[in-house]
Structure formats: C-alpha cells, structure tokens
Amino acid sequence: MAKSPNTTPSKWSVKAHYSQKYPGWIESNPFVSSLFDMVDEAEKKKAKEQKTELDNELAWIDYVESEFIQKMLTYPEAEAILNKIKKDIK
C-alpha cells in the first residue's frame, strides 16, 4: 500500500480568531458592565500605586543624598584604597 504524501509533520500552523461585537450588550447587562468597570478601576489603581511607590523611592534617594552623602567630609574607604595604591607605587 502506498504511503500518503500528507503524513509528514509540518512546521507551520494556522490559528483563527473571531469575535462578534454586540452593540449595547455590555451596557444593557449590569453584571457584565460591573465586571468591566472593576477591571478598569483595578488597572487605574495599580498604575496609581506604582506611581506613588516610584515617587516615594525617588524622594528617599534624594533625602539620603542630601543628608548623608553631601555632608560627608571624607570618604574613608576611598582614602584607604588611595593610600594603599600610593604605598605600592613607592
């Protein structure tokens, strides 16, 4: 019996997607419309929380720099490294 030529596996595939829009369906169904509203509100809340968290982080970085780093008169670790290099050169 002859082997069918279409039995070898292929490396491609086909996918199809179809959606039908029903105008007014979401607005007329209070349960579905409330679900969509909850999703929209959750996304807005998440974005707002991320922005607040980012603003707080930036404020903390500014505070640390102004209070600690800018007020340092010496940098002990850097001076120790430089002194070691100077001793090695001599």
PDB file of N, CA and C in Angstrom:
ATOM      1  N   MET A   1       0.840  -1.167   0.000  1.00  0.00           N
ATOM      2  CA  MET A   1       0.000   0.000   0.000  1.00  0.00           C
ATOM      3  C   MET A   1       0.887   1.233   0.000  1.00  0.00           C
ATOM      4  N   ALA A   2       0.534   2.223  -0.787  1.00  0.00           N
ATOM      5  CA  ALA A   2       1.330   3.444  -0.916  1.00  0.00           C
ATOM      6  C   ALA A   2       1.107   4.347   0.290  1.00  0.00           C
ATOM      7  N   LYS A   3       2.200   5.020   0.660  1.00  0.00           N
ATOM      8  CA  LYS A   3       2.131   5.930   1.801  1.00  0.00           C
ATOM      9  C   LYS A   3       1.577   7.277   1.341  1.00  0.00           C
ATOM     10  N   SER A   4       0.694   7.855   2.123  1.00  0.00           N
ATOM     11  CA  SER A   4       0.094   9.141   1.769  1.00  0.00           C
ATOM     12  C   SER A   4       1.146  10.244   1.867  1.00  0.00           C
ATOM     13  N   PRO A   5       1.176  11.171   0.925  1.00  0.00           N
ATOM     14  CA  PRO A   5       2.192  12.235   0.968  1.00  0.00           C
ATOM     15  C   PRO A   5       1.923  13.274   2.066  1.00  0.00           C
ATOM     16  N   ASN A   6       0.760  13.264   2.670  1.00  0.00           N
ATOM     17  CA  ASN A   6       0.423  14.275   3.672  1.00  0.00           C
ATOM     18  C   ASN A   6       0.616  13.784   5.107  1.00  0.00           C
ATOM     19  N   THR A   7       1.407  12.745   5.314  1.00  0.00           N
ATOM     20  CA  THR A   7       1.578  12.215   6.663  1.00  0.00           C
ATOM     21  C   THR A   7       2.805  12.772   7.369  1.00  0.00           C
ATOM     22  N   THR A   8       3.650  13.490   6.680  1.00  0.00           N
ATOM     23  CA  THR A   8       4.836  14.050   7.336  1.00  0.00           C
ATOM     24  C   THR A   8       4.441  15.292   8.131  1.00  0.00           C
ATOM     25  N   PRO A   9       5.019  15.463   9.319  1.00  0.00           N
ATOM     26  CA  PRO A   9       4.664  16.632  10.132  1.00  0.00           C
ATOM     27  C   PRO A   9       5.179  17.926   9.497  1.00  0.00           C
ATOM     28  N   SER A  10       4.436  18.958   9.668  1.00  0.00           N
ATOM     29  CA  SER A  10       4.849  20.256   9.123  1.00  0.00           C
ATOM     30  C   SER A  10       5.274  21.173  10.260  1.00  0.00           C
ATOM     31  N   LYS A  11       5.963  22.264   9.914  1.00  0.00           N
ATOM     32  CA  LYS A  11       6.461  23.199  10.913  1.00  0.00           C
ATOM     33  C   LYS A  11       5.618  24.464  10.986  1.00  0.00           C
ATOM     34  N   TRP A  12       4.479  24.455  10.416  1.00  0.00           N
ATOM     35  CA  TRP A  12       3.632  25.647  10.454  1.00  0.00           C
ATOM     36  C   TRP A  12       2.256  25.263  10.967  1.00  0.00           C
ATOM     37  N   SER A  13       1.559  26.261  11.406  1.00  0.00           N
ATOM     38  CA  SER A  13       0.206  26.025  11.899  1.00  0.00           C
ATOM     39  C   SER A  13      -0.649  27.236  11.569  1.00  0.00           C
ATOM     40  N   VAL A  14      -1.929  27.051  11.651  1.00  0.00           N
ATOM     41  CA  VAL A  14      -2.879  28.119  11.357  1.00  0.00           C
ATOM     42  C   VAL A  14      -3.755  28.313  12.587  1.00  0.00           C
ATOM     43  N   LYS A  15      -3.913  29.575  12.980  1.00  0.00           N
ATOM     44  CA  LYS A  15      -4.811  29.897  14.081  1.00  0.00           C
ATOM     45  C   LYS A  15      -5.777  30.959  13.595  1.00  0.00           C
ATOM     46  N   ALA A  16      -6.995  30.859  14.040  1.00  0.00           N
ATOM     47  CA  ALA A  16      -8.001  31.844  13.647  1.00  0.00           C
ATOM     48  C   ALA A  16      -8.736  32.314  14.887  1.00  0.00           C
ATOM     49  N   HIS A  17      -9.113  33.569  14.869  1.00  0.00           N
ATOM     50  CA  HIS A  17      -9.868  34.141  15.982  1.00  0.00           C
ATOM     51  C   HIS A  17     -10.953  35.029  15.406  1.00  0.00           C
ATOM     52  N   TYR A  18     -12.116  34.905  15.968  1.00  0.00           N
ATOM     53  CA  TYR A  18     -13.238  35.712  15.503  1.00  0.00           C
ATOM     54  C   TYR A  18     -14.016  36.185  16.708  1.00  0.00           C
ATOM     55  N   SER A  19     -14.359  37.432  16.707  1.00  0.00           N
ATOM     56  CA  SER A  19     -15.207  37.937  17.786  1.00  0.00           C
ATOM     57  C   SER A  19     -16.332  38.757  17.182  1.00  0.00           C
ATOM     58  N   GLN A  20     -17.483  38.585  17.746  1.00  0.00           N
ATOM     59  CA  GLN A  20     -18.660  39.315  17.273  1.00  0.00           C
ATOM     60  C   GLN A  20     -18.988  40.393  18.281  1.00  0.00           C
ATOM     61  N   LYS A  21     -19.049  41.601  17.832  1.00  0.00           N
ATOM     62  CA  LYS A  21     -19.409  42.709  18.705  1.00  0.00           C
ATOM     63  C   LYS A  21     -20.928  42.833  18.758  1.00  0.00           C
ATOM     64  N   TYR A  22     -21.434  42.934  19.945  1.00  0.00           N
ATOM     65  CA  TYR A  22     -22.863  43.117  20.142  1.00  0.00           C
ATOM     66  C   TYR A  22     -23.082  44.503  20.728  1.00  0.00           C
ATOM     67  N   PRO A  23     -23.450  45.460  19.911  1.00  0.00           N
ATOM     68  CA  PRO A  23     -23.611  46.817  20.425  1.00  0.00           C
ATOM     69  C   PRO A  23     -24.677  46.888  21.506  1.00  0.00           C
ATOM     70  N   GLY A  24     -24.329  47.550  22.603  1.00  0.00           N
ATOM     71  CA  GLY A  24     -25.273  47.726  23.684  1.00  0.00           C
ATOM     72  C   GLY A  24     -25.377  46.553  24.630  1.00  0.00           C
ATOM     73  N   TRP A  25     -24.705  45.445  24.342  1.00  0.00           N
ATOM     74  CA  TRP A  25     -24.819  44.260  25.177  1.00  0.00           C
ATOM     75  C   TRP A  25     -24.233  44.494  26.562  1.00  0.00           C
ATOM     76  N   ILE A  26     -23.050  45.106  26.620  1.00  0.00           N
ATOM     77  CA  ILE A  26     -22.403  45.338  27.908  1.00  0.00           C
ATOM     78  C   ILE A  26     -23.207  46.333  28.735  1.00  0.00           C
ATOM     79  N   GLU A  27     -23.664  47.391  28.092  1.00  0.00           N
ATOM     80  CA  GLU A  27     -24.404  48.418  28.822  1.00  0.00           C
ATOM     81  C   GLU A  27     -25.746  47.899  29.330  1.00  0.00           C
ATOM     82  N   SER A  28     -26.370  46.995  28.583  1.00  0.00           N
ATOM     83  CA  SER A  28     -27.690  46.509  28.986  1.00  0.00           C
ATOM     84  C   SER A  28     -27.614  45.409  30.043  1.00  0.00           C
ATOM     85  N   ASN A  29     -26.448  44.822  30.233  1.00  0.00           N
ATOM     86  CA  ASN A  29     -26.291  43.758  31.210  1.00  0.00           C
ATOM     87  C   ASN A  29     -25.510  44.313  32.409  1.00  0.00           C
ATOM     88  N   PRO A  30     -26.166  44.589  33.525  1.00  0.00           N
ATOM     89  CA  PRO A  30     -25.482  45.227  34.654  1.00  0.00           C
ATOM     90  C   PRO A  30     -24.366  44.376  35.257  1.00  0.00           C
ATOM     91  N   PHE A  31     -24.501  43.064  35.247  1.00  0.00           N
ATOM     92  CA  PHE A  31     -23.454  42.208  35.800  1.00  0.00           C
ATOM     93  C   PHE A  31     -22.174  42.327  34.984  1.00  0.00           C
ATOM     94  N   VAL A  32     -22.302  42.218  33.670  1.00  0.00           N
ATOM     95  CA  VAL A  32     -21.131  42.286  32.800  1.00  0.00           C
ATOM     96  C   VAL A  32     -20.517  43.679  32.835  1.00  0.00           C
ATOM     97  N   SER A  33     -21.352  44.711  32.808  1.00  0.00           N
ATOM     98  CA  SER A  33     -20.802  46.066  32.823  1.00  0.00           C
ATOM     99  C   SER A  33     -20.067  46.339  34.132  1.00  0.00           C
ATOM    100  N   SER A  34     -20.547  45.786  35.250  1.00  0.00           N
ATOM    101  CA  SER A  34     -19.842  45.992  36.517  1.00  0.00           C
ATOM    102  C   SER A  34     -18.502  45.264  36.520  1.00  0.00           C
ATOM    103  N   LEU A  35     -18.420  44.109  35.864  1.00  0.00           N
ATOM    104  CA  LEU A  35     -17.137  43.414  35.745  1.00  0.00           C
ATOM    105  C   LEU A  35     -16.134  44.253  34.963  1.00  0.00           C
ATOM    106  N   PHE A  36     -16.577  44.823  33.844  1.00  0.00           N
ATOM    107  CA  PHE A  36     -15.683  45.670  33.057  1.00  0.00           C
ATOM    108  C   PHE A  36     -15.254  46.892  33.858  1.00  0.00           C
ATOM    109  N   ASP A  37     -16.175  47.470  34.623  1.00  0.00           N
ATOM    110  CA  ASP A  37     -15.834  48.625  35.452  1.00  0.00           C
ATOM    111  C   ASP A  37     -14.804  48.252  36.513  1.00  0.00           C
ATOM    112  N   MET A  38     -14.950  47.071  37.127  1.00  0.00           N
ATOM    113  CA  MET A  38     -13.997  46.638  38.149  1.00  0.00           C
ATOM    114  C   MET A  38     -12.608  46.446  37.561  1.00  0.00           C
ATOM    115  N   VAL A  39     -12.519  45.885  36.374  1.00  0.00           N
ATOM    116  CA  VAL A  39     -11.222  45.685  35.731  1.00  0.00           C
ATOM    117  C   VAL A  39     -10.578  47.030  35.427  1.00  0.00           C
ATOM    118  N   ASP A  40     -11.343  47.969  34.889  1.00  0.00           N
ATOM    119  CA  ASP A  40     -10.802  49.292  34.588  1.00  0.00           C
ATOM    120  C   ASP A  40     -10.317  49.994  35.846  1.00  0.00           C
ATOM    121  N   GLU A  41     -11.100  49.914  36.918  1.00  0.00           N
ATOM    122  CA  GLU A  41     -10.715  50.561  38.173  1.00  0.00           C
ATOM    123  C   GLU A  41      -9.463  49.917  38.764  1.00  0.00           C
ATOM    124  N   ALA A  42      -9.347  48.598  38.659  1.00  0.00           N
ATOM    125  CA  ALA A  42      -8.176  47.903  39.196  1.00  0.00           C
ATOM    126  C   ALA A  42      -6.915  48.322  38.452  1.00  0.00           C
ATOM    127  N   GLU A  43      -7.009  48.464  37.131  1.00  0.00           N
ATOM    128  CA  GLU A  43      -5.846  48.885  36.355  1.00  0.00           C
ATOM    129  C   GLU A  43      -5.437  50.307  36.710  1.00  0.00           C
ATOM    130  N   LYS A  44      -6.412  51.194  36.885  1.00  0.00           N
ATOM    131  CA  LYS A  44      -6.104  52.573  37.260  1.00  0.00           C
ATOM    132  C   LYS A  44      -5.479  52.619  38.651  1.00  0.00           C
ATOM    133  N   LYS A  45      -6.014  51.820  39.576  1.00  0.00           N
ATOM    134  CA  LYS A  45      -5.496  51.796  40.939  1.00  0.00           C
ATOM    135  C   LYS A  45      -4.065  51.270  40.955  1.00  0.00           C
ATOM    136  N   LYS A  46      -3.796  50.236  40.179  1.00  0.00           N
ATOM    137  CA  LYS A  46      -2.458  49.660  40.120  1.00  0.00           C
ATOM    138  C   LYS A  46      -1.461  50.682  39.580  1.00  0.00           C
ATOM    139  N   ALA A  47      -1.828  51.394  38.532  1.00  0.00           N
ATOM    140  CA  ALA A  47      -0.942  52.405  37.964  1.00  0.00           C
ATOM    141  C   ALA A  47      -0.694  53.527  38.968  1.00  0.00           C
ATOM    142  N   LYS A  48      -1.729  53.921  39.692  1.00  0.00           N
ATOM    143  CA  LYS A  48      -1.587  54.989  40.687  1.00  0.00           C
ATOM    144  C   LYS A  48      -0.673  54.535  41.827  1.00  0.00           C
ATOM    145  N   GLU A  49      -0.827  53.294  42.282  1.00  0.00           N
ATOM    146  CA  GLU A  49       0.033  52.767  43.348  1.00  0.00           C
ATOM    147  C   GLU A  49       1.488  52.693  42.900  1.00  0.00           C
ATOM    148  N   GLN A  50       1.717  52.282  41.658  1.00  0.00           N
ATOM    149  CA  GLN A  50       3.085  52.215  41.148  1.00  0.00           C
ATOM    150  C   GLN A  50       3.713  53.597  41.084  1.00  0.00           C
ATOM    151  N   LYS A  51       2.941  54.590  40.663  1.00  0.00           N
ATOM    152  CA  LYS A  51       3.463  55.952  40.596  1.00  0.00           C
ATOM    153  C   LYS A  51       3.785  56.471  41.988  1.00  0.00           C
ATOM    154  N   THR A  52       2.918  56.199  42.958  1.00  0.00           N
ATOM    155  CA  THR A  52       3.164  56.629  44.336  1.00  0.00           C
ATOM    156  C   THR A  52       4.418  55.964  44.890  1.00  0.00           C
ATOM    157  N   GLU A  53       4.565  54.675  44.636  1.00  0.00           N
ATOM    158  CA  GLU A  53       5.743  53.952  45.111  1.00  0.00           C
ATOM    159  C   GLU A  53       7.015  54.501  44.474  1.00  0.00           C
ATOM    160  N   LEU A  54       6.965  54.795  43.187  1.00  0.00           N
ATOM    161  CA  LEU A  54       8.118  55.357  42.497  1.00  0.00           C
ATOM    162  C   LEU A  54       8.467  56.732  43.053  1.00  0.00           C
ATOM    163  N   ASP A  55       7.461  57.567  43.271  1.00  0.00           N
ATOM    164  CA  ASP A  55       7.703  58.898  43.837  1.00  0.00           C
ATOM    165  C   ASP A  55       8.332  58.794  45.225  1.00  0.00           C
ATOM    166  N   ASN A  56       7.855  57.854  46.035  1.00  0.00           N
ATOM    167  CA  ASN A  56       8.433  57.665  47.369  1.00  0.00           C
ATOM    168  C   ASN A  56       9.888  57.216  47.294  1.00  0.00           C
ATOM    169  N   GLU A  57      10.207  56.310  46.383  1.00  0.00           N
ATOM    170  CA  GLU A  57      11.580  55.843  46.220  1.00  0.00           C
ATOM    171  C   GLU A  57      12.502  56.986  45.805  1.00  0.00           C
ATOM    172  N   LEU A  58      12.053  57.795  44.838  1.00  0.00           N
ATOM    173  CA  LEU A  58      12.871  58.922  44.390  1.00  0.00           C
ATOM    174  C   LEU A  58      13.074  59.937  45.512  1.00  0.00           C
ATOM    175  N   ALA A  59      12.043  60.183  46.298  1.00  0.00           N
ATOM    176  CA  ALA A  59      12.170  61.104  47.428  1.00  0.00           C
ATOM    177  C   ALA A  59      13.171  60.559  48.449  1.00  0.00           C
ATOM    178  N   TRP A  60      13.149  59.251  48.688  1.00  0.00           N
ATOM    179  CA  TRP A  60      14.089  58.648  49.630  1.00  0.00           C
ATOM    180  C   TRP A  60      15.521  58.771  49.124  1.00  0.00           C
ATOM    181  N   ILE A  61      15.736  58.548  47.843  1.00  0.00           N
ATOM    182  CA  ILE A  61      17.080  58.684  47.270  1.00  0.00           C
ATOM    183  C   ILE A  61      17.573  60.117  47.407  1.00  0.00           C
ATOM    184  N   ASP A  62      16.722  61.086  47.125  1.00  0.00           N
ATOM    185  CA  ASP A  62      17.102  62.492  47.282  1.00  0.00           C
ATOM    186  C   ASP A  62      17.445  62.804  48.735  1.00  0.00           C
ATOM    187  N   TYR A  63      16.657  62.288  49.669  1.00  0.00           N
ATOM    188  CA  TYR A  63      16.904  62.531  51.091  1.00  0.00           C
ATOM    189  C   TYR A  63      18.250  61.952  51.518  1.00  0.00           C
ATOM    190  N   VAL A  64      18.508  60.713  51.143  1.00  0.00           N
ATOM    191  CA  VAL A  64      19.767  60.068  51.521  1.00  0.00           C
ATOM    192  C   VAL A  64      20.946  60.840  50.952  1.00  0.00           C
ATOM    193  N   GLU A  65      20.838  61.257  49.705  1.00  0.00           N
ATOM    194  CA  GLU A  65      21.937  62.001  49.100  1.00  0.00           C
ATOM    195  C   GLU A  65      22.158  63.327  49.811  1.00  0.00           C
ATOM    196  N   SER A  66      21.092  64.065  50.099  1.00  0.00           N
ATOM    197  CA  SER A  66      21.256  65.384  50.713  1.00  0.00           C
ATOM    198  C   SER A  66      21.695  65.292  52.172  1.00  0.00           C
ATOM    199  N   GLU A  67      21.208  64.295  52.906  1.00  0.00           N
ATOM    200  CA  GLU A  67      21.513  64.214  54.336  1.00  0.00           C
ATOM    201  C   GLU A  67      22.831  63.515  54.640  1.00  0.00           C
ATOM    202  N   PHE A  68      23.197  62.540  53.869  1.00  0.00           N
ATOM    203  CA  PHE A  68      24.355  61.738  54.232  1.00  0.00           C
ATOM    204  C   PHE A  68      25.528  61.912  53.268  1.00  0.00           C
ATOM    205  N   ILE A  69      25.286  61.747  52.015  1.00  0.00           N
ATOM    206  CA  ILE A  69      26.381  61.759  51.052  1.00  0.00           C
ATOM    207  C   ILE A  69      26.969  63.153  50.889  1.00  0.00           C
ATOM    208  N   GLN A  70      26.139  64.167  50.732  1.00  0.00           N
ATOM    209  CA  GLN A  70      26.642  65.524  50.526  1.00  0.00           C
ATOM    210  C   GLN A  70      27.322  66.081  51.772  1.00  0.00           C
ATOM    211  N   LYS A  71      26.951  65.615  52.954  1.00  0.00           N
ATOM    212  CA  LYS A  71      27.532  66.132  54.195  1.00  0.00           C
ATOM    213  C   LYS A  71      28.814  65.408  54.600  1.00  0.00           C
ATOM    214  N   MET A  72      29.203  64.394  53.858  1.00  0.00           N
ATOM    215  CA  MET A  72      30.430  63.673  54.195  1.00  0.00           C
ATOM    216  C   MET A  72      31.631  64.544  53.863  1.00  0.00           C
ATOM    217  N   LEU A  73      32.515  64.729  54.839  1.00  0.00           N
ATOM    218  CA  LEU A  73      33.734  65.495  54.607  1.00  0.00           C
ATOM    219  C   LEU A  73      34.837  64.599  54.078  1.00  0.00           C
ATOM    220  N   THR A  74      34.813  63.353  54.476  1.00  0.00           N
ATOM    221  CA  THR A  74      35.817  62.407  53.990  1.00  0.00           C
ATOM    222  C   THR A  74      35.121  61.128  53.542  1.00  0.00           C
ATOM    223  N   TYR A  75      35.837  60.397  52.753  1.00  0.00           N
ATOM    224  CA  TYR A  75      35.359  59.109  52.261  1.00  0.00           C
ATOM    225  C   TYR A  75      36.392  58.063  52.698  1.00  0.00           C
ATOM    226  N   PRO A  76      36.231  57.474  53.882  1.00  0.00           N
ATOM    227  CA  PRO A  76      37.268  56.609  54.461  1.00  0.00           C
ATOM    228  C   PRO A  76      37.669  55.432  53.579  1.00  0.00           C
ATOM    229  N   GLU A  77      36.721  54.767  52.961  1.00  0.00           N
ATOM    230  CA  GLU A  77      37.072  53.613  52.129  1.00  0.00           C
ATOM    231  C   GLU A  77      37.881  54.040  50.911  1.00  0.00           C
ATOM    232  N   ALA A  78      37.475  55.136  50.295  1.00  0.00           N
ATOM    233  CA  ALA A  78      38.203  55.626  49.125  1.00  0.00           C
ATOM    234  C   ALA A  78      39.606  56.071  49.522  1.00  0.00           C
ATOM    235  N   GLU A  79      39.741  56.731  50.670  1.00  0.00           N
ATOM    236  CA  GLU A  79      41.063  57.167  51.119  1.00  0.00           C
ATOM    237  C   GLU A  79      41.958  55.978  51.430  1.00  0.00           C
ATOM    238  N   ALA A  80      41.400  54.921  51.997  1.00  0.00           N
ATOM    239  CA  ALA A  80      42.186  53.725  52.290  1.00  0.00           C
ATOM    240  C   ALA A  80      42.695  53.088  51.002  1.00  0.00           C
ATOM    241  N   ILE A  81      41.873  53.038  49.999  1.00  0.00           N
ATOM    242  CA  ILE A  81      42.295  52.471  48.708  1.00  0.00           C
ATOM    243  C   ILE A  81      43.391  53.327  48.091  1.00  0.00           C
ATOM    244  N   LEU A  82      43.226  54.643  48.110  1.00  0.00           N
ATOM    245  CA  LEU A  82      44.244  55.539  47.545  1.00  0.00           C
ATOM    246  C   LEU A  82      45.559  55.432  48.311  1.00  0.00           C
ATOM    247  N   ASN A  83      45.510  55.356  49.630  1.00  0.00           N
ATOM    248  CA  ASN A  83      46.742  55.219  50.420  1.00  0.00           C
ATOM    249  C   ASN A  83      47.456  53.917  50.096  1.00  0.00           C
ATOM    250  N   LYS A  84      46.699  52.848  49.916  1.00  0.00           N
ATOM    251  CA  LYS A  84      47.306  51.562  49.573  1.00  0.00           C
ATOM    252  C   LYS A  84      47.993  51.644  48.213  1.00  0.00           C
ATOM    253  N   ILE A  85      47.349  52.305  47.256  1.00  0.00           N
ATOM    254  CA  ILE A  85      47.941  52.452  45.918  1.00  0.00           C
ATOM    255  C   ILE A  85      49.211  53.286  46.002  1.00  0.00           C
ATOM    256  N   LYS A  86      49.169  54.363  46.775  1.00  0.00           N
ATOM    257  CA  LYS A  86      50.351  55.230  46.908  1.00  0.00           C
ATOM    258  C   LYS A  86      51.513  54.473  47.542  1.00  0.00           C
ATOM    259  N   LYS A  87      51.241  53.615  48.537  1.00  0.00           N
ATOM    260  CA  LYS A  87      52.303  52.831  49.175  1.00  0.00           C
ATOM    261  C   LYS A  87      52.884  51.819  48.202  1.00  0.00           C
ATOM    262  N   ASP A  88      52.035  51.252  47.347  1.00  0.00           N
ATOM    263  CA  ASP A  88      52.510  50.264  46.375  1.00  0.00           C
ATOM    264  C   ASP A  88      53.390  50.913  45.319  1.00  0.00           C
ATOM    265  N   ILE A  89      53.120  52.171  44.983  1.00  0.00           N
ATOM    266  CA  ILE A  89      53.904  52.868  43.956  1.00  0.00           C
ATOM    267  C   ILE A  89      55.292  53.209  44.485  1.00  0.00           C
ATOM    268  N   LYS A  90      55.410  53.577  45.764  1.00  0.00           N
ATOM    269  CA  LYS A  90      56.708  53.974  46.343  1.00  0.00           C
ATOM    270  C   LYS A  90      57.592  52.819  46.451  1.00  0.00           C
TER     271      LYS A  90
END
